[in-house]
Amino acid sequence: MKTFQNGADGVYVAGCMEGDCHYLTGNLRARKRVEYTKKILDEVGIGGDRLEMYNMSAADGPMFVEVAKEMTEKVKELGPNPIKLEKLENPHSEKGE
């Protein structure tokens, strides 16, 4: 959430393959948190589509590259984060001016 508040246009979380996580259920808990956060982003008007989680092996560099390209294209289609646009349109609003 903090990353979006700071103006990020999109975020993706990379987790271990399901059933193959060093932290046993860490990737499953992360998926639940991502899904919950997507709902919050929709509710506050940023858009849950700006956040995704992908499961991949740390040894799969080509998959990491493909996911990065996919997410980059998705974010380009969505356009800038509405918070960033608001800051650009009202640059003095946070300073109380």
N, C-alpha and C. Protein backbone atom coordinates (compact mmCIF):
# COMPACT_ATOMS: atom_id res chain seq x y z
N MET A 1 0.83 -1.18 0.00
CA MET A 1 0.00 0.00 0.00
C MET A 1 0.88 1.25 0.00
N LYS A 2 1.94 1.22 0.77
CA LYS A 2 2.83 2.38 0.87
C LYS A 2 3.43 2.72 -0.50
N THR A 3 3.75 1.69 -1.25
CA THR A 3 4.33 1.91 -2.58
C THR A 3 3.34 2.64 -3.48
N PHE A 4 2.08 2.27 -3.42
CA PHE A 4 1.07 2.97 -4.21
C PHE A 4 0.85 4.38 -3.69
N GLN A 5 0.88 4.57 -2.38
CA GLN A 5 0.74 5.90 -1.80
C GLN A 5 1.86 6.81 -2.27
N ASN A 6 3.03 6.22 -2.48
CA ASN A 6 4.18 6.99 -2.95
C ASN A 6 4.18 7.19 -4.46
N GLY A 7 3.15 6.66 -5.15
CA GLY A 7 3.00 6.94 -6.56
C GLY A 7 3.35 5.84 -7.54
N ALA A 8 3.67 4.63 -7.06
CA ALA A 8 3.98 3.54 -7.99
C ALA A 8 2.78 3.26 -8.88
N ASP A 9 3.02 3.02 -10.15
CA ASP A 9 1.95 2.72 -11.10
C ASP A 9 1.50 1.27 -11.02
N GLY A 10 2.38 0.38 -10.57
CA GLY A 10 2.05 -1.03 -10.46
C GLY A 10 3.08 -1.75 -9.62
N VAL A 11 2.66 -2.89 -9.08
CA VAL A 11 3.53 -3.70 -8.24
C VAL A 11 3.24 -5.17 -8.52
N TYR A 12 4.28 -5.97 -8.60
CA TYR A 12 4.04 -7.41 -8.62
C TYR A 12 4.89 -8.07 -7.55
N VAL A 13 4.31 -9.12 -7.00
CA VAL A 13 4.95 -9.89 -5.94
C VAL A 13 5.33 -11.23 -6.55
N ALA A 14 6.59 -11.61 -6.38
CA ALA A 14 7.05 -12.91 -6.86
C ALA A 14 7.17 -13.84 -5.66
N GLY A 15 6.49 -14.97 -5.74
CA GLY A 15 6.53 -15.95 -4.66
C GLY A 15 6.99 -17.29 -5.18
N CYS A 16 7.35 -18.13 -4.25
CA CYS A 16 7.77 -19.49 -4.60
C CYS A 16 6.62 -20.24 -5.27
N MET A 17 6.97 -21.30 -5.94
CA MET A 17 5.96 -22.18 -6.51
C MET A 17 5.17 -22.79 -5.36
N GLU A 18 3.86 -22.91 -5.55
CA GLU A 18 3.03 -23.49 -4.49
C GLU A 18 3.46 -24.93 -4.22
N GLY A 19 3.59 -25.27 -2.95
CA GLY A 19 4.03 -26.59 -2.56
C GLY A 19 5.54 -26.75 -2.54
N ASP A 20 6.27 -25.69 -2.88
CA ASP A 20 7.72 -25.76 -2.94
C ASP A 20 8.34 -24.49 -2.37
N CYS A 21 7.89 -24.12 -1.17
CA CYS A 21 8.37 -22.89 -0.56
C CYS A 21 9.23 -23.20 0.67
N HIS A 22 10.39 -22.60 0.74
CA HIS A 22 11.29 -22.78 1.88
C HIS A 22 10.59 -22.40 3.19
N TYR A 23 9.71 -21.41 3.11
CA TYR A 23 9.00 -20.95 4.30
C TYR A 23 7.66 -21.66 4.48
N LEU A 24 7.51 -22.80 3.85
CA LEU A 24 6.35 -23.69 3.94
C LEU A 24 5.07 -23.06 3.42
N THR A 25 4.49 -22.12 4.13
CA THR A 25 3.22 -21.52 3.70
C THR A 25 3.35 -20.02 3.45
N GLY A 26 4.56 -19.51 3.40
CA GLY A 26 4.75 -18.07 3.19
C GLY A 26 4.14 -17.58 1.89
N ASN A 27 4.28 -18.36 0.82
CA ASN A 27 3.72 -17.95 -0.46
C ASN A 27 2.19 -17.97 -0.44
N LEU A 28 1.61 -18.90 0.33
CA LEU A 28 0.15 -18.96 0.44
C LEU A 28 -0.39 -17.77 1.22
N ARG A 29 0.30 -17.40 2.29
CA ARG A 29 -0.10 -16.21 3.06
C ARG A 29 0.07 -14.96 2.21
N ALA A 30 1.14 -14.90 1.44
CA ALA A 30 1.36 -13.74 0.57
C ALA A 30 0.24 -13.61 -0.45
N ARG A 31 -0.19 -14.72 -1.03
CA ARG A 31 -1.27 -14.69 -2.02
C ARG A 31 -2.54 -14.12 -1.38
N LYS A 32 -2.87 -14.55 -0.16
CA LYS A 32 -4.05 -14.04 0.53
C LYS A 32 -3.94 -12.53 0.76
N ARG A 33 -2.76 -12.08 1.15
CA ARG A 33 -2.54 -10.65 1.39
C ARG A 33 -2.66 -9.85 0.10
N VAL A 34 -2.14 -10.39 -0.98
CA VAL A 34 -2.24 -9.72 -2.27
C VAL A 34 -3.71 -9.60 -2.68
N GLU A 35 -4.46 -10.67 -2.55
CA GLU A 35 -5.88 -10.64 -2.92
C GLU A 35 -6.65 -9.64 -2.06
N TYR A 36 -6.36 -9.59 -0.78
CA TYR A 36 -7.00 -8.62 0.12
C TYR A 36 -6.64 -7.19 -0.27
N THR A 37 -5.38 -6.98 -0.56
CA THR A 37 -4.91 -5.64 -0.94
C THR A 37 -5.51 -5.20 -2.26
N LYS A 38 -5.69 -6.13 -3.21
CA LYS A 38 -6.32 -5.79 -4.49
C LYS A 38 -7.73 -5.25 -4.25
N LYS A 39 -8.46 -5.86 -3.32
CA LYS A 39 -9.81 -5.38 -3.00
C LYS A 39 -9.77 -3.97 -2.43
N ILE A 40 -8.83 -3.73 -1.53
CA ILE A 40 -8.68 -2.39 -0.96
C ILE A 40 -8.34 -1.37 -2.04
N LEU A 41 -7.43 -1.72 -2.94
CA LEU A 41 -7.05 -0.81 -4.02
C LEU A 41 -8.25 -0.47 -4.90
N ASP A 42 -9.11 -1.45 -5.14
CA ASP A 42 -10.34 -1.19 -5.90
C ASP A 42 -11.24 -0.22 -5.13
N GLU A 43 -11.38 -0.45 -3.84
CA GLU A 43 -12.26 0.38 -3.02
C GLU A 43 -11.81 1.83 -2.93
N VAL A 44 -10.50 2.06 -2.89
CA VAL A 44 -10.00 3.43 -2.75
C VAL A 44 -9.76 4.12 -4.10
N GLY A 45 -10.03 3.42 -5.19
CA GLY A 45 -9.95 4.05 -6.50
C GLY A 45 -8.62 3.96 -7.22
N ILE A 46 -7.68 3.22 -6.66
CA ILE A 46 -6.39 3.05 -7.34
C ILE A 46 -6.50 1.94 -8.38
N GLY A 47 -7.20 0.88 -8.03
CA GLY A 47 -7.41 -0.23 -8.96
C GLY A 47 -6.58 -1.45 -8.59
N GLY A 48 -7.26 -2.53 -8.27
CA GLY A 48 -6.60 -3.77 -7.91
C GLY A 48 -5.82 -4.41 -9.04
N ASP A 49 -6.11 -4.01 -10.29
CA ASP A 49 -5.38 -4.56 -11.43
C ASP A 49 -3.93 -4.12 -11.45
N ARG A 50 -3.60 -3.14 -10.64
CA ARG A 50 -2.22 -2.64 -10.59
C ARG A 50 -1.32 -3.52 -9.73
N LEU A 51 -1.90 -4.51 -9.07
CA LEU A 51 -1.16 -5.41 -8.19
C LEU A 51 -1.39 -6.85 -8.63
N GLU A 52 -0.32 -7.61 -8.77
CA GLU A 52 -0.42 -9.03 -9.15
C GLU A 52 0.60 -9.84 -8.38
N MET A 53 0.30 -11.10 -8.23
CA MET A 53 1.26 -12.04 -7.64
C MET A 53 1.53 -13.15 -8.63
N TYR A 54 2.77 -13.50 -8.76
CA TYR A 54 3.20 -14.58 -9.64
C TYR A 54 4.02 -15.57 -8.84
N ASN A 55 3.77 -16.85 -9.09
CA ASN A 55 4.56 -17.90 -8.46
C ASN A 55 5.57 -18.40 -9.48
N MET A 56 6.83 -18.43 -9.05
CA MET A 56 7.88 -18.87 -9.97
C MET A 56 9.08 -19.38 -9.18
N SER A 57 9.88 -20.15 -9.83
CA SER A 57 11.10 -20.66 -9.23
C SER A 57 12.18 -19.59 -9.30
N ALA A 58 12.98 -19.50 -8.27
CA ALA A 58 14.09 -18.54 -8.26
C ALA A 58 15.10 -18.85 -9.36
N ALA A 59 15.11 -20.08 -9.83
CA ALA A 59 16.05 -20.49 -10.88
C ALA A 59 15.51 -20.23 -12.29
N ASP A 60 14.31 -19.69 -12.40
CA ASP A 60 13.68 -19.51 -13.71
C ASP A 60 13.77 -18.05 -14.16
N GLY A 61 14.96 -17.65 -14.57
CA GLY A 61 15.19 -16.28 -15.03
C GLY A 61 14.30 -15.87 -16.19
N PRO A 62 14.13 -16.71 -17.21
CA PRO A 62 13.26 -16.34 -18.33
C PRO A 62 11.82 -16.05 -17.90
N MET A 63 11.32 -16.79 -16.92
CA MET A 63 9.96 -16.55 -16.42
C MET A 63 9.89 -15.18 -15.74
N PHE A 64 10.93 -14.85 -14.96
CA PHE A 64 10.98 -13.56 -14.29
C PHE A 64 10.94 -12.43 -15.32
N VAL A 65 11.70 -12.57 -16.38
CA VAL A 65 11.73 -11.57 -17.45
C VAL A 65 10.36 -11.45 -18.10
N GLU A 66 9.73 -12.57 -18.40
CA GLU A 66 8.42 -12.57 -19.03
C GLU A 66 7.38 -11.89 -18.15
N VAL A 67 7.40 -12.18 -16.86
CA VAL A 67 6.45 -11.57 -15.92
C VAL A 67 6.69 -10.06 -15.85
N ALA A 68 7.93 -9.65 -15.82
CA ALA A 68 8.25 -8.21 -15.77
C ALA A 68 7.72 -7.51 -17.02
N LYS A 69 7.90 -8.11 -18.18
CA LYS A 69 7.40 -7.52 -19.43
C LYS A 69 5.87 -7.46 -19.42
N GLU A 70 5.24 -8.56 -18.98
CA GLU A 70 3.78 -8.63 -18.93
C GLU A 70 3.21 -7.54 -18.01
N MET A 71 3.81 -7.40 -16.84
CA MET A 71 3.32 -6.41 -15.88
C MET A 71 3.58 -4.99 -16.39
N THR A 72 4.70 -4.78 -17.03
CA THR A 72 5.01 -3.46 -17.59
C THR A 72 3.96 -3.07 -18.62
N GLU A 73 3.62 -3.98 -19.51
CA GLU A 73 2.60 -3.69 -20.53
C GLU A 73 1.24 -3.43 -19.90
N LYS A 74 0.91 -4.20 -18.90
CA LYS A 74 -0.37 -4.03 -18.22
C LYS A 74 -0.46 -2.64 -17.58
N VAL A 75 0.60 -2.24 -16.91
CA VAL A 75 0.62 -0.94 -16.24
C VAL A 75 0.59 0.20 -17.26
N LYS A 76 1.27 0.03 -18.38
CA LYS A 76 1.21 1.05 -19.43
C LYS A 76 -0.22 1.25 -19.91
N GLU A 77 -0.96 0.14 -20.07
CA GLU A 77 -2.36 0.23 -20.49
C GLU A 77 -3.23 0.92 -19.44
N LEU A 78 -2.95 0.65 -18.16
CA LEU A 78 -3.73 1.25 -17.08
C LEU A 78 -3.44 2.75 -16.91
N GLY A 79 -2.25 3.15 -17.30
CA GLY A 79 -1.86 4.55 -17.15
C GLY A 79 -1.32 4.84 -15.76
N PRO A 80 -1.04 6.11 -15.49
CA PRO A 80 -0.45 6.48 -14.21
C PRO A 80 -1.38 6.22 -13.03
N ASN A 81 -0.78 5.97 -11.90
CA ASN A 81 -1.48 5.81 -10.63
C ASN A 81 -2.30 7.08 -10.36
N PRO A 82 -3.58 6.95 -10.03
CA PRO A 82 -4.41 8.13 -9.76
C PRO A 82 -3.85 9.04 -8.66
N ILE A 83 -3.15 8.48 -7.70
CA ILE A 83 -2.54 9.31 -6.65
C ILE A 83 -1.45 10.18 -7.24
N LYS A 84 -0.66 9.62 -8.15
CA LYS A 84 0.40 10.40 -8.80
C LYS A 84 -0.21 11.52 -9.63
N LEU A 85 -1.30 11.22 -10.34
CA LEU A 85 -1.96 12.24 -11.14
C LEU A 85 -2.49 13.37 -10.26
N GLU A 86 -3.07 13.00 -9.12
CA GLU A 86 -3.60 14.00 -8.19
C GLU A 86 -2.48 14.90 -7.67
N LYS A 87 -1.34 14.30 -7.35
CA LYS A 87 -0.20 15.09 -6.87
C LYS A 87 0.30 16.04 -7.95
N LEU A 88 0.28 15.59 -9.21
CA LEU A 88 0.72 16.45 -10.31
C LEU A 88 -0.25 17.60 -10.54
N GLU A 89 -1.54 17.31 -10.39
CA GLU A 89 -2.55 18.34 -10.61
C GLU A 89 -2.63 19.32 -9.44
N ASN A 90 -2.35 18.87 -8.23
CA ASN A 90 -2.43 19.70 -7.03
C ASN A 90 -1.13 19.60 -6.24
N PRO A 91 -0.04 20.14 -6.77
CA PRO A 91 1.27 19.95 -6.13
C PRO A 91 1.39 20.55 -4.73
N HIS A 92 0.55 21.51 -4.37
CA HIS A 92 0.67 22.15 -3.07
C HIS A 92 -0.30 21.59 -2.05
N SER A 93 -1.14 20.62 -2.43
CA SER A 93 -2.18 20.11 -1.53
C SER A 93 -1.61 19.43 -0.29
N GLU A 94 -0.46 18.78 -0.39
CA GLU A 94 0.12 18.09 0.77
C GLU A 94 0.84 19.06 1.70
N LYS A 95 1.21 20.22 1.21
CA LYS A 95 1.95 21.18 2.02
C LYS A 95 1.02 22.13 2.75
N GLY A 96 -0.29 21.96 2.54
CA GLY A 96 -1.25 22.82 3.22
C GLY A 96 -1.32 24.20 2.63
N GLU A 97 -0.89 24.37 1.40
CA GLU A 97 -0.90 25.69 0.76
C GLU A 97 -2.15 25.86 -0.07
